[in-house]
Protein backbone atom coordinates (compact mmCIF):
# COMPACT_ATOMS: atom_id res chain seq x y z
CA MET A 1 99.35 102.85 121.68
CA GLY A 2 102.43 103.62 119.51
CA GLN A 3 102.25 105.98 116.64
CA PRO A 4 100.37 104.74 113.63
CA GLU A 5 102.10 102.86 110.89
CA ASP A 6 101.64 104.94 107.48
CA VAL A 7 100.33 102.04 105.52
CA ARG A 8 99.90 98.15 105.03
CA LYS A 9 101.12 96.98 102.04
CA LEU A 10 98.34 95.16 100.11
CA THR A 11 98.05 93.45 97.26
CA VAL A 12 95.24 93.83 94.60
CA ARG A 13 93.97 90.60 95.85
CA ASP A 14 94.31 91.54 99.55
CA MET A 15 92.15 94.57 98.47
CA GLN A 16 89.46 92.63 96.29
CA ARG A 17 89.02 90.42 99.60
CA GLY A 18 89.10 93.33 101.47
CA ILE A 19 86.03 94.91 99.73
CA GLU A 20 84.12 91.53 100.27
CA HIS A 21 84.35 91.12 103.93
CA LEU A 22 83.63 95.32 104.12
CA ARG A 23 80.25 94.18 102.07
CA ALA A 24 79.46 91.54 104.12
CA ARG A 25 79.90 94.00 107.45
CA ILE A 26 77.39 96.46 105.65
CA GLN A 27 74.84 93.82 104.98
CA ASP A 28 74.92 92.73 108.39
CA LEU A 29 74.64 96.42 109.36
CA LYS A 30 71.26 96.80 107.38
CA GLU A 31 69.95 93.47 108.10
CA PHE A 32 69.91 94.41 111.97
CA ASN A 33 66.87 95.56 113.41
CA PRO A 34 66.45 98.26 116.41
CA ASP A 35 63.28 97.73 116.29
CA ALA A 36 63.69 94.00 117.62
CA VAL A 37 65.89 95.00 120.28
CA THR A 38 65.26 95.53 123.77
CA VAL A 39 67.79 97.93 125.75
CA ASP A 40 69.67 96.97 129.32
CA GLY A 41 68.50 100.17 131.31
CA PHE A 42 71.60 101.82 132.35
CA SER A 43 74.23 99.68 130.64
CA LYS A 44 72.95 99.97 127.62
CA LYS A 45 73.78 96.30 126.51
CA VAL A 46 72.64 95.22 123.25
CA PRO A 47 74.84 91.61 122.53
CA GLU A 48 73.61 91.82 118.56
CA LEU A 49 75.33 95.18 118.54
CA THR A 50 78.41 94.28 120.46
CA ALA A 51 78.83 91.28 117.90
CA LEU A 52 78.69 93.44 115.02
CA SER A 53 80.79 96.12 116.43
CA ASP A 54 83.45 93.45 117.06
CA SER A 55 82.90 92.04 113.95
CA ILE A 56 83.74 95.02 111.95
CA GLN A 57 86.43 95.79 114.11
CA ARG A 58 87.96 92.97 113.31
CA THR A 59 87.66 93.14 109.62
CA LEU A 60 89.19 96.58 109.95
CA GLU A 61 92.09 94.98 111.75
CA ASN A 62 92.70 92.07 109.33
CA LEU A 63 92.28 94.40 106.37
CA PHE A 64 94.34 97.51 107.32
CA GLY A 65 96.72 96.31 110.01
CA GLU A 66 95.74 97.23 113.77
CA ASN A 67 97.68 100.33 113.69
CA THR A 68 97.90 102.09 110.52
CA ALA A 69 96.57 105.13 109.55
CA ALA A 70 93.89 103.76 107.17
CA PHE A 71 92.55 101.73 110.41
CA HIS A 72 92.18 104.93 112.45
CA ARG A 73 90.62 106.58 109.63
CA PHE A 74 87.83 104.36 109.40
CA SER A 75 87.53 102.42 113.18
CA ALA A 76 84.54 104.67 113.87
CA ALA A 77 82.95 101.80 111.86
CA SER A 78 83.13 100.14 114.49
CA ARG A 79 80.90 102.09 116.72
CA VAL A 80 77.64 101.30 116.82
CA ARG A 81 77.23 99.66 120.23
CA LEU A 82 75.07 102.43 122.72
CA GLU A 83 77.07 104.08 125.41
CA PRO A 84 75.95 103.86 129.08
CA SER A 85 74.01 106.44 130.58
CA TRP A 86 74.73 107.71 133.70
CA GLY A 87 72.19 110.82 134.02
CA ASP A 88 69.52 109.47 131.95
CA GLU A 89 66.08 108.24 133.17
CA PRO A 90 66.27 105.05 131.30
CA TRP A 91 62.44 104.14 132.46
CA LEU A 92 60.80 107.18 130.49
CA PRO A 93 58.26 106.08 128.02
CA ASN A 94 60.41 107.37 124.83
CA ARG A 95 63.95 106.25 126.05
CA LEU A 96 63.89 103.08 124.46
CA GLN A 97 62.62 105.01 120.97
CA HIS A 98 65.77 107.34 121.54
CA ASP A 99 67.71 104.36 121.89
CA ARG A 100 66.83 102.94 118.83
CA GLN A 101 67.23 106.37 117.05
CA VAL A 102 70.50 106.26 118.22
CA MET A 103 71.13 102.61 116.92
CA ARG A 104 69.96 103.62 113.56
CA GLU A 105 72.16 106.39 113.34
CA ASN A 106 74.93 104.70 114.58
CA ILE A 107 74.22 101.89 111.74
CA ALA A 108 73.69 104.70 109.22
CA ARG A 109 77.31 106.19 110.18
CA SER A 110 79.07 103.18 110.18
CA VAL A 111 77.34 102.37 106.51
CA VAL A 112 78.83 105.48 105.26
CA LEU A 113 82.10 104.91 106.95
CA LEU A 114 82.25 101.18 105.30
CA GLU A 115 81.34 102.42 101.68
CA ARG A 116 84.13 104.95 101.73
CA ALA A 117 86.48 102.53 102.74
CA ILE A 118 85.31 100.62 99.92
CA LYS A 119 85.66 103.47 97.69
CA THR A 120 89.31 103.89 98.94
CA LEU A 121 90.04 100.31 97.85
CA GLU A 122 88.64 100.13 94.48
CA GLN A 123 90.44 103.71 93.85
CA ASP A 124 93.54 101.68 95.00
CA ILE A 125 92.95 98.84 92.79
CA ALA A 126 92.55 100.95 89.70
CA GLU A 127 95.90 102.47 90.80
CA ALA A 128 97.41 99.64 90.69
CA GLU A 129 96.00 97.97 87.64
CA GLU A 130 96.92 101.50 85.33
CA ILE A 131 100.54 100.98 86.90
CA ARG A 132 100.44 97.67 85.99
CA LYS A 133 99.08 98.43 82.39
CA GLY A 134 101.65 100.90 82.07
CA TYR A 135 104.46 98.50 83.50
CA LEU A 136 103.38 96.36 80.69
CA LYS A 137 103.16 98.84 78.08
CA VAL A 138 107.13 100.13 78.63
CA SER A 139 108.20 96.99 78.99
CA LEU A 140 106.65 95.83 76.19
CA SER A 141 108.19 98.57 73.84
CA PRO A 142 110.77 97.96 71.15
CA VAL A 143 114.04 98.68 72.16
CA ARG A 144 115.52 101.52 70.64
CA LYS A 145 119.28 101.93 69.56
């Protein structure tokens, strides 16, 4: 993997669409119920979490570009999966409760990161609108001799 690109040029419409997609991913995360999940021992495979993680990853890649600084800033939001545990004893009675708590924490972190991405885009949109208004104001000014 090479150096991250600085930025990906987004139009206001691109940013608005991106916000819609990010809000959809946040909704997906909020609708996920860790209490309805069973965890597969050592592998910690939870297909629903894998699908959520992949969906967030694709949304961020499509919006910011795969190798941009903005993508890397928010990419941790896609890490909602449980990590395999090599030293843990998954058959302990509280193991499932622990894994569910880890899922809740991962989801909460992801929601915060996606909300930050939305706030960043909203600020970029506001700046673009201010620039556009300033440009129109200047371009509509009477010509002075």
